[in-house]
Amino acid sequence: MTDQGKLEKLFKQHYRQMYRLATMLLHDDAESKDVVHDIFARLVDDHRDLREDTAESYLLTSVRNRCLNVIRSRQIQERVERLYLLDLDTTIIPAERLDEELKTLYKGIDLLEPPLYRDIIIQHFRDGVTFKEIACRMGVSETTVYKHLHRALSQLRTHFKDQ
């Protein structure tokens, strides 16, 4: 759209409505203004001639689509920031302390009653055996294995809470 007068008329007619829609979607005045101005800048560059009967629909749809892109971009940025913070939050435990904690954990596992709980914990967490494989080995259902594992973990939590 190269006709300066036509573009100016569209801007005067639809700016408020476009800005209001962008503000409702983005909740940010500066970003809303940027979205509306980007749309008009693109109209200048595209050399597209808008018909008067469809101009309003085209402009409002453009605002909506551009706002959705901004929101999507924000969500991606927030996810990356969260993951980055999680990555920074990892603490490095000295090997000696890790060995002590593992020994304490294995002592707690040795105290589990009945011994079936001990076997299930070791097979599942240490050896990486699935519930289905454990169930086949013991001749019970997967649900039973899950329930035993749940009870074993509850015992371990209680054991470590008391220490």
N, C-alpha and C. Protein backbone atom coordinates (compact mmCIF):
# COMPACT_ATOMS: atom_id res chain seq x y z
N MET A 1 0.86 -1.17 0.00
CA MET A 1 0.00 0.00 0.00
C MET A 1 0.90 1.23 0.00
N THR A 2 1.00 1.88 -1.10
CA THR A 2 1.90 3.01 -1.22
C THR A 2 1.18 4.34 -1.10
N ASP A 3 -0.11 4.36 -1.23
CA ASP A 3 -0.86 5.60 -1.16
C ASP A 3 -0.83 6.12 0.28
N GLN A 4 -0.06 7.19 0.50
CA GLN A 4 0.15 7.74 1.84
C GLN A 4 -1.17 8.21 2.46
N GLY A 5 -2.02 8.81 1.67
CA GLY A 5 -3.29 9.32 2.18
C GLY A 5 -4.21 8.20 2.66
N LYS A 6 -4.25 7.14 1.89
CA LYS A 6 -5.08 5.98 2.26
C LYS A 6 -4.59 5.35 3.56
N LEU A 7 -3.27 5.21 3.66
CA LEU A 7 -2.67 4.62 4.85
C LEU A 7 -2.93 5.48 6.08
N GLU A 8 -2.82 6.78 5.90
CA GLU A 8 -3.07 7.71 7.00
C GLU A 8 -4.53 7.62 7.46
N LYS A 9 -5.44 7.51 6.50
CA LYS A 9 -6.87 7.38 6.82
C LYS A 9 -7.12 6.09 7.60
N LEU A 10 -6.52 4.96 7.15
CA LEU A 10 -6.66 3.68 7.87
C LEU A 10 -6.13 3.79 9.29
N PHE A 11 -4.99 4.45 9.42
CA PHE A 11 -4.37 4.60 10.74
C PHE A 11 -5.30 5.36 11.67
N LYS A 12 -5.84 6.48 11.20
CA LYS A 12 -6.73 7.31 12.02
C LYS A 12 -8.02 6.57 12.37
N GLN A 13 -8.54 5.80 11.42
CA GLN A 13 -9.81 5.10 11.63
C GLN A 13 -9.67 3.90 12.58
N HIS A 14 -8.59 3.17 12.50
CA HIS A 14 -8.53 1.87 13.16
C HIS A 14 -7.49 1.75 14.28
N TYR A 15 -6.67 2.77 14.46
CA TYR A 15 -5.59 2.65 15.44
C TYR A 15 -6.10 2.34 16.83
N ARG A 16 -7.09 3.11 17.30
CA ARG A 16 -7.60 2.90 18.68
C ARG A 16 -8.13 1.49 18.89
N GLN A 17 -8.89 1.03 17.93
CA GLN A 17 -9.48 -0.31 18.03
C GLN A 17 -8.38 -1.38 18.01
N MET A 18 -7.40 -1.21 17.16
CA MET A 18 -6.29 -2.17 17.07
C MET A 18 -5.48 -2.15 18.36
N TYR A 19 -5.21 -0.96 18.86
CA TYR A 19 -4.43 -0.82 20.09
C TYR A 19 -5.18 -1.44 21.28
N ARG A 20 -6.49 -1.20 21.35
CA ARG A 20 -7.31 -1.75 22.43
C ARG A 20 -7.28 -3.28 22.41
N LEU A 21 -7.41 -3.87 21.23
CA LEU A 21 -7.35 -5.33 21.09
C LEU A 21 -5.98 -5.87 21.52
N ALA A 22 -4.93 -5.21 21.08
CA ALA A 22 -3.58 -5.66 21.44
C ALA A 22 -3.37 -5.56 22.95
N THR A 23 -3.86 -4.49 23.56
CA THR A 23 -3.71 -4.31 25.01
C THR A 23 -4.49 -5.37 25.77
N MET A 24 -5.67 -5.71 25.28
CA MET A 24 -6.46 -6.75 25.94
C MET A 24 -5.74 -8.10 25.88
N LEU A 25 -5.08 -8.37 24.79
CA LEU A 25 -4.40 -9.66 24.63
C LEU A 25 -3.04 -9.71 25.32
N LEU A 26 -2.30 -8.61 25.28
CA LEU A 26 -0.92 -8.62 25.77
C LEU A 26 -0.75 -8.05 27.19
N HIS A 27 -1.69 -7.21 27.62
CA HIS A 27 -1.59 -6.57 28.94
C HIS A 27 -0.29 -5.77 29.09
N ASP A 28 0.13 -5.14 28.02
CA ASP A 28 1.37 -4.36 28.04
C ASP A 28 1.23 -3.24 27.00
N ASP A 29 1.21 -1.99 27.49
CA ASP A 29 0.99 -0.85 26.59
C ASP A 29 2.06 -0.72 25.53
N ALA A 30 3.31 -0.77 25.93
CA ALA A 30 4.41 -0.57 24.98
C ALA A 30 4.42 -1.65 23.91
N GLU A 31 4.24 -2.89 24.34
CA GLU A 31 4.24 -3.99 23.38
C GLU A 31 3.03 -3.90 22.44
N SER A 32 1.90 -3.44 22.96
CA SER A 32 0.71 -3.28 22.14
C SER A 32 0.93 -2.23 21.06
N LYS A 33 1.55 -1.12 21.44
CA LYS A 33 1.85 -0.08 20.45
C LYS A 33 2.81 -0.63 19.39
N ASP A 34 3.80 -1.40 19.82
CA ASP A 34 4.75 -1.98 18.87
C ASP A 34 4.06 -2.89 17.87
N VAL A 35 3.12 -3.69 18.36
CA VAL A 35 2.39 -4.62 17.47
C VAL A 35 1.63 -3.83 16.41
N VAL A 36 0.90 -2.80 16.82
CA VAL A 36 0.09 -2.02 15.88
C VAL A 36 1.00 -1.30 14.88
N HIS A 37 2.06 -0.72 15.38
CA HIS A 37 2.98 -0.01 14.48
C HIS A 37 3.66 -0.97 13.50
N ASP A 38 3.99 -2.17 13.96
CA ASP A 38 4.59 -3.17 13.06
C ASP A 38 3.64 -3.52 11.91
N ILE A 39 2.37 -3.62 12.24
CA ILE A 39 1.38 -3.96 11.20
C ILE A 39 1.31 -2.85 10.15
N PHE A 40 1.29 -1.61 10.61
CA PHE A 40 1.25 -0.51 9.64
C PHE A 40 2.55 -0.41 8.86
N ALA A 41 3.66 -0.70 9.51
CA ALA A 41 4.95 -0.68 8.80
C ALA A 41 4.98 -1.75 7.72
N ARG A 42 4.41 -2.89 8.01
CA ARG A 42 4.37 -3.97 7.02
C ARG A 42 3.46 -3.59 5.85
N LEU A 43 2.38 -2.87 6.14
CA LEU A 43 1.49 -2.42 5.06
C LEU A 43 2.24 -1.49 4.10
N VAL A 44 3.09 -0.65 4.65
CA VAL A 44 3.87 0.25 3.81
C VAL A 44 4.82 -0.54 2.92
N ASP A 45 5.44 -1.56 3.47
CA ASP A 45 6.43 -2.36 2.74
C ASP A 45 5.81 -3.33 1.74
N ASP A 46 4.61 -3.83 2.03
CA ASP A 46 4.00 -4.88 1.20
C ASP A 46 3.43 -4.39 -0.12
N HIS A 47 3.13 -3.13 -0.22
CA HIS A 47 2.49 -2.58 -1.42
C HIS A 47 1.15 -3.27 -1.68
N ARG A 48 0.46 -3.63 -0.61
CA ARG A 48 -0.83 -4.31 -0.72
C ARG A 48 -1.94 -3.26 -0.67
N ASP A 49 -2.89 -3.39 -1.54
CA ASP A 49 -4.01 -2.46 -1.56
C ASP A 49 -5.18 -3.10 -0.82
N LEU A 50 -5.58 -2.48 0.29
CA LEU A 50 -6.69 -3.02 1.08
C LEU A 50 -8.00 -2.41 0.62
N ARG A 51 -9.00 -3.25 0.51
CA ARG A 51 -10.34 -2.75 0.19
C ARG A 51 -10.94 -2.19 1.47
N GLU A 52 -11.73 -1.16 1.33
CA GLU A 52 -12.30 -0.50 2.50
C GLU A 52 -13.27 -1.40 3.26
N ASP A 53 -13.97 -2.27 2.55
CA ASP A 53 -14.95 -3.14 3.22
C ASP A 53 -14.30 -4.26 4.03
N THR A 54 -13.05 -4.62 3.73
CA THR A 54 -12.38 -5.70 4.47
C THR A 54 -11.18 -5.20 5.28
N ALA A 55 -10.89 -3.92 5.23
CA ALA A 55 -9.70 -3.38 5.90
C ALA A 55 -9.75 -3.60 7.40
N GLU A 56 -10.89 -3.32 8.02
CA GLU A 56 -11.00 -3.46 9.47
C GLU A 56 -10.77 -4.91 9.89
N SER A 57 -11.40 -5.84 9.21
CA SER A 57 -11.22 -7.26 9.54
C SER A 57 -9.77 -7.68 9.36
N TYR A 58 -9.17 -7.23 8.26
CA TYR A 58 -7.77 -7.58 8.00
C TYR A 58 -6.85 -7.04 9.10
N LEU A 59 -7.06 -5.78 9.47
CA LEU A 59 -6.19 -5.16 10.48
C LEU A 59 -6.36 -5.82 11.86
N LEU A 60 -7.60 -6.08 12.26
CA LEU A 60 -7.84 -6.70 13.56
C LEU A 60 -7.33 -8.15 13.60
N THR A 61 -7.49 -8.86 12.50
CA THR A 61 -6.95 -10.21 12.43
C THR A 61 -5.43 -10.19 12.49
N SER A 62 -4.83 -9.22 11.84
CA SER A 62 -3.37 -9.07 11.90
C SER A 62 -2.90 -8.80 13.31
N VAL A 63 -3.64 -7.94 14.03
CA VAL A 63 -3.30 -7.65 15.42
C VAL A 63 -3.39 -8.91 16.26
N ARG A 64 -4.49 -9.63 16.10
CA ARG A 64 -4.68 -10.87 16.87
C ARG A 64 -3.55 -11.86 16.60
N ASN A 65 -3.23 -12.08 15.35
CA ASN A 65 -2.19 -13.04 15.01
C ASN A 65 -0.83 -12.61 15.52
N ARG A 66 -0.54 -11.34 15.38
CA ARG A 66 0.76 -10.82 15.86
C ARG A 66 0.85 -10.94 17.38
N CYS A 67 -0.25 -10.66 18.08
CA CYS A 67 -0.27 -10.79 19.55
C CYS A 67 -0.08 -12.25 19.97
N LEU A 68 -0.71 -13.17 19.25
CA LEU A 68 -0.52 -14.59 19.57
C LEU A 68 0.93 -15.01 19.38
N ASN A 69 1.58 -14.48 18.36
CA ASN A 69 3.00 -14.76 18.16
C ASN A 69 3.84 -14.21 19.31
N VAL A 70 3.50 -13.02 19.77
CA VAL A 70 4.22 -12.41 20.90
C VAL A 70 4.02 -13.25 22.16
N ILE A 71 2.79 -13.68 22.40
CA ILE A 71 2.50 -14.49 23.58
C ILE A 71 3.25 -15.82 23.51
N ARG A 72 3.24 -16.45 22.36
CA ARG A 72 3.96 -17.71 22.17
C ARG A 72 5.45 -17.51 22.42
N SER A 73 5.97 -16.43 21.94
CA SER A 73 7.39 -16.13 22.14
C SER A 73 7.70 -15.92 23.62
N ARG A 74 6.79 -15.23 24.31
CA ARG A 74 6.96 -15.03 25.77
C ARG A 74 6.99 -16.37 26.50
N GLN A 75 6.06 -17.26 26.14
CA GLN A 75 5.97 -18.55 26.82
C GLN A 75 7.25 -19.35 26.61
N ILE A 76 7.77 -19.33 25.41
CA ILE A 76 9.01 -20.05 25.13
C ILE A 76 10.15 -19.45 25.95
N GLN A 77 10.21 -18.14 25.98
CA GLN A 77 11.27 -17.47 26.75
C GLN A 77 11.15 -17.80 28.23
N GLU A 78 9.93 -17.82 28.78
CA GLU A 78 9.74 -18.14 30.19
C GLU A 78 10.16 -19.58 30.48
N ARG A 79 9.83 -20.50 29.57
CA ARG A 79 10.24 -21.90 29.76
C ARG A 79 11.75 -22.03 29.77
N VAL A 80 12.41 -21.35 28.86
CA VAL A 80 13.87 -21.40 28.80
C VAL A 80 14.47 -20.83 30.07
N GLU A 81 13.92 -19.72 30.55
CA GLU A 81 14.43 -19.12 31.78
C GLU A 81 14.24 -20.07 32.97
N ARG A 82 13.06 -20.72 33.04
CA ARG A 82 12.81 -21.68 34.13
C ARG A 82 13.79 -22.83 34.07
N LEU A 83 14.00 -23.37 32.88
CA LEU A 83 14.94 -24.48 32.74
C LEU A 83 16.35 -24.05 33.07
N TYR A 84 16.70 -22.85 32.69
CA TYR A 84 18.04 -22.34 33.00
C TYR A 84 18.21 -22.21 34.51
N LEU A 85 17.17 -21.70 35.18
CA LEU A 85 17.25 -21.57 36.64
C LEU A 85 17.34 -22.94 37.30
N LEU A 86 16.59 -23.91 36.77
CA LEU A 86 16.68 -25.26 37.32
C LEU A 86 18.08 -25.83 37.13
N ASP A 87 18.66 -25.54 35.98
CA ASP A 87 20.01 -26.02 35.69
C ASP A 87 21.02 -25.39 36.64
N LEU A 88 20.84 -24.12 36.96
CA LEU A 88 21.75 -23.44 37.88
C LEU A 88 21.58 -23.93 39.31
N ASP A 89 20.36 -24.43 39.61
CA ASP A 89 20.04 -24.83 40.98
C ASP A 89 20.66 -26.16 41.37
N THR A 90 21.18 -26.91 40.43
CA THR A 90 21.76 -28.20 40.78
C THR A 90 22.98 -27.99 41.67
N THR A 91 23.02 -28.75 42.71
CA THR A 91 24.14 -28.63 43.64
C THR A 91 25.08 -29.80 43.45
N ILE A 92 26.33 -29.53 43.59
CA ILE A 92 27.34 -30.57 43.45
C ILE A 92 27.68 -31.08 44.84
N ILE A 93 27.49 -32.38 45.02
CA ILE A 93 27.75 -33.01 46.31
C ILE A 93 29.11 -33.67 46.24
N PRO A 94 29.97 -33.41 47.23
CA PRO A 94 31.28 -34.07 47.24
C PRO A 94 31.11 -35.59 47.27
N ALA A 95 32.04 -36.31 46.66
CA ALA A 95 31.96 -37.77 46.55
C ALA A 95 31.88 -38.43 47.92
N GLU A 96 32.61 -37.91 48.89
CA GLU A 96 32.59 -38.52 50.23
C GLU A 96 31.20 -38.44 50.84
N ARG A 97 30.58 -37.29 50.71
CA ARG A 97 29.24 -37.12 51.27
C ARG A 97 28.23 -38.00 50.53
N LEU A 98 28.39 -38.12 49.22
CA LEU A 98 27.51 -38.97 48.44
C LEU A 98 27.63 -40.42 48.88
N ASP A 99 28.86 -40.88 49.12
CA ASP A 99 29.08 -42.24 49.60
C ASP A 99 28.38 -42.46 50.94
N GLU A 100 28.49 -41.48 51.83
CA GLU A 100 27.83 -41.59 53.15
C GLU A 100 26.32 -41.68 52.99
N GLU A 101 25.77 -40.85 52.11
CA GLU A 101 24.32 -40.85 51.91
C GLU A 101 23.85 -42.18 51.29
N LEU A 102 24.64 -42.73 50.37
CA LEU A 102 24.28 -44.02 49.79
C LEU A 102 24.33 -45.13 50.84
N LYS A 103 25.34 -45.10 51.69
CA LYS A 103 25.42 -46.10 52.76
C LYS A 103 24.22 -46.00 53.68
N THR A 104 23.83 -44.78 54.03
CA THR A 104 22.65 -44.58 54.88
C THR A 104 21.39 -45.08 54.20
N LEU A 105 21.28 -44.83 52.91
CA LEU A 105 20.12 -45.30 52.15
C LEU A 105 20.07 -46.82 52.14
N TYR A 106 21.20 -47.47 51.87
CA TYR A 106 21.22 -48.94 51.84
C TYR A 106 20.93 -49.53 53.22
N LYS A 107 21.36 -48.87 54.28
CA LYS A 107 21.01 -49.35 55.63
C LYS A 107 19.52 -49.27 55.85
N GLY A 108 18.90 -48.17 55.38
CA GLY A 108 17.45 -48.04 55.49
C GLY A 108 16.74 -49.11 54.69
N ILE A 109 17.25 -49.43 53.52
CA ILE A 109 16.64 -50.48 52.68
C ILE A 109 16.77 -51.83 53.36
N ASP A 110 17.90 -52.08 54.00
CA ASP A 110 18.10 -53.35 54.70
C ASP A 110 17.11 -53.55 55.84
N LEU A 111 16.60 -52.45 56.40
CA LEU A 111 15.67 -52.54 57.54
C LEU A 111 14.22 -52.73 57.10
N LEU A 112 13.94 -52.70 55.80
CA LEU A 112 12.56 -52.83 55.33
C LEU A 112 11.99 -54.20 55.68
N GLU A 113 10.74 -54.18 56.10
CA GLU A 113 10.01 -55.41 56.41
C GLU A 113 8.71 -55.41 55.67
N PRO A 114 8.30 -56.45 55.08
CA PRO A 114 8.95 -57.75 54.88
C PRO A 114 10.06 -57.65 53.83
N PRO A 115 10.91 -58.67 53.75
CA PRO A 115 12.04 -58.67 52.81
C PRO A 115 11.61 -58.49 51.35
N LEU A 116 10.37 -58.81 51.05
CA LEU A 116 9.83 -58.62 49.71
C LEU A 116 9.95 -57.16 49.28
N TYR A 117 9.71 -56.23 50.21
CA TYR A 117 9.83 -54.80 49.92
C TYR A 117 11.25 -54.46 49.49
N ARG A 118 12.20 -55.02 50.20
CA ARG A 118 13.62 -54.79 49.92
C ARG A 118 13.94 -55.25 48.49
N ASP A 119 13.46 -56.45 48.15
CA ASP A 119 13.73 -57.01 46.81
C ASP A 119 13.14 -56.12 45.70
N ILE A 120 11.93 -55.67 45.92
CA ILE A 120 11.28 -54.84 44.90
C ILE A 120 12.02 -53.52 44.73
N ILE A 121 12.39 -52.87 45.82
CA ILE A 121 13.13 -51.59 45.74
C ILE A 121 14.44 -51.79 44.99
N ILE A 122 15.18 -52.81 45.35
CA ILE A 122 16.48 -53.05 44.72
C ILE A 122 16.32 -53.36 43.24
N GLN A 123 15.37 -54.24 42.92
CA GLN A 123 15.18 -54.59 41.50
C GLN A 123 14.76 -53.38 40.67
N HIS A 124 13.85 -52.59 41.22
CA HIS A 124 13.32 -51.48 40.43
C HIS A 124 14.32 -50.32 40.33
N PHE A 125 14.86 -49.87 41.44
CA PHE A 125 15.69 -48.67 41.42
C PHE A 125 17.16 -48.94 41.11
N ARG A 126 17.71 -49.99 41.65
CA ARG A 126 19.13 -50.25 41.41
C ARG A 126 19.34 -50.96 40.07
N ASP A 127 18.51 -52.00 39.82
CA ASP A 127 18.71 -52.81 38.63
C ASP A 127 17.91 -52.31 37.42
N GLY A 128 16.96 -51.38 37.65
CA GLY A 128 16.18 -50.82 36.54
C GLY A 128 15.15 -51.75 35.95
N VAL A 129 14.66 -52.69 36.74
CA VAL A 129 13.67 -53.66 36.26
C VAL A 129 12.28 -53.00 36.30
N THR A 130 11.49 -53.22 35.27
CA THR A 130 10.15 -52.62 35.21
C THR A 130 9.19 -53.36 36.14
N PHE A 131 8.04 -52.71 36.43
CA PHE A 131 7.02 -53.33 37.26
C PHE A 131 6.55 -54.65 36.65
N LYS A 132 6.39 -54.64 35.34
CA LYS A 132 5.90 -55.83 34.65
C LYS A 132 6.87 -57.00 34.82
N GLU A 133 8.18 -56.72 34.65
CA GLU A 133 9.17 -57.79 34.80
C GLU A 133 9.23 -58.30 36.23
N ILE A 134 9.15 -57.37 37.20
CA ILE A 134 9.16 -57.79 38.61
C ILE A 134 7.94 -58.66 38.89
N ALA A 135 6.78 -58.26 38.37
CA ALA A 135 5.55 -59.02 38.58
C ALA A 135 5.68 -60.43 38.00
N CYS A 136 6.27 -60.54 36.81
CA CYS A 136 6.47 -61.86 36.19
C CYS A 136 7.40 -62.72 37.04
N ARG A 137 8.48 -62.13 37.52
CA ARG A 137 9.45 -62.88 38.34
C ARG A 137 8.83 -63.38 39.64
N MET A 138 7.94 -62.56 40.23
CA MET A 138 7.36 -62.92 41.54
C MET A 138 6.03 -63.66 41.40
N GLY A 139 5.47 -63.67 40.20
CA GLY A 139 4.20 -64.35 40.00
C GLY A 139 3.02 -63.59 40.58
N VAL A 140 3.10 -62.27 40.58
CA VAL A 140 2.01 -61.43 41.09
C VAL A 140 1.66 -60.41 40.01
N SER A 141 0.63 -59.60 40.28
CA SER A 141 0.22 -58.58 39.31
C SER A 141 1.10 -57.33 39.45
N GLU A 142 1.07 -56.51 38.40
CA GLU A 142 1.82 -55.24 38.44
C GLU A 142 1.29 -54.34 39.54
N THR A 143 0.00 -54.36 39.76
CA THR A 143 -0.61 -53.54 40.80
C THR A 143 -0.07 -53.92 42.17
N THR A 144 0.10 -55.20 42.39
CA THR A 144 0.65 -55.67 43.66
C THR A 144 2.07 -55.17 43.83
N VAL A 145 2.86 -55.22 42.77
CA VAL A 145 4.23 -54.73 42.83
C VAL A 145 4.22 -53.24 43.16
N TYR A 146 3.35 -52.50 42.50
CA TYR A 146 3.26 -51.06 42.74
C TYR A 146 2.89 -50.78 44.19
N LYS A 147 1.91 -51.52 44.73
CA LYS A 147 1.48 -51.30 46.11
C LYS A 147 2.62 -51.62 47.08
N HIS A 148 3.34 -52.71 46.85
CA HIS A 148 4.47 -53.05 47.71
C HIS A 148 5.55 -51.98 47.64
N LEU A 149 5.81 -51.48 46.45
CA LEU A 149 6.81 -50.43 46.29
C LEU A 149 6.38 -49.17 47.03
N HIS A 150 5.11 -48.83 46.93
CA HIS A 150 4.58 -47.66 47.62
C HIS A 150 4.76 -47.80 49.14
N ARG A 151 4.42 -48.95 49.65
CA ARG A 151 4.57 -49.18 51.10
C ARG A 151 6.04 -49.16 51.52
N ALA A 152 6.91 -49.71 50.68
CA ALA A 152 8.34 -49.71 50.99
C ALA A 152 8.87 -48.28 51.04
N LEU A 153 8.47 -47.47 50.09
CA LEU A 153 8.92 -46.07 50.08
C LEU A 153 8.37 -45.31 51.29
N SER A 154 7.15 -45.62 51.68
CA SER A 154 6.59 -44.99 52.89
C SER A 154 7.41 -45.35 54.12
N GLN A 155 7.80 -46.62 54.22
CA GLN A 155 8.65 -47.05 55.35
C GLN A 155 9.98 -46.31 55.34
N LEU A 156 10.58 -46.18 54.15
CA LEU A 156 11.85 -45.46 54.05
C LEU A 156 11.70 -44.00 54.46
N ARG A 157 10.64 -43.36 54.02
CA ARG A 157 10.41 -41.95 54.40
C ARG A 157 10.28 -41.83 55.91
N THR A 158 9.53 -42.72 56.51
CA THR A 158 9.37 -42.70 57.96
C THR A 158 10.71 -42.93 58.65
N HIS A 159 11.47 -43.86 58.15
CA HIS A 159 12.78 -44.16 58.73
C HIS A 159 13.69 -42.93 58.69
N PHE A 160 13.74 -42.25 57.56
CA PHE A 160 14.62 -41.11 57.44
C PHE A 160 14.08 -39.88 58.15
N LYS A 161 12.77 -39.77 58.29
CA LYS A 161 12.18 -38.65 59.01
C LYS A 161 12.53 -38.76 60.50
N ASP A 162 12.59 -40.00 61.01
CA ASP A 162 12.88 -40.22 62.43
C ASP A 162 14.35 -39.96 62.76
N GLN A 163 15.22 -40.01 61.76
CA GLN A 163 16.65 -39.83 62.05
C GLN A 163 17.02 -38.40 62.23
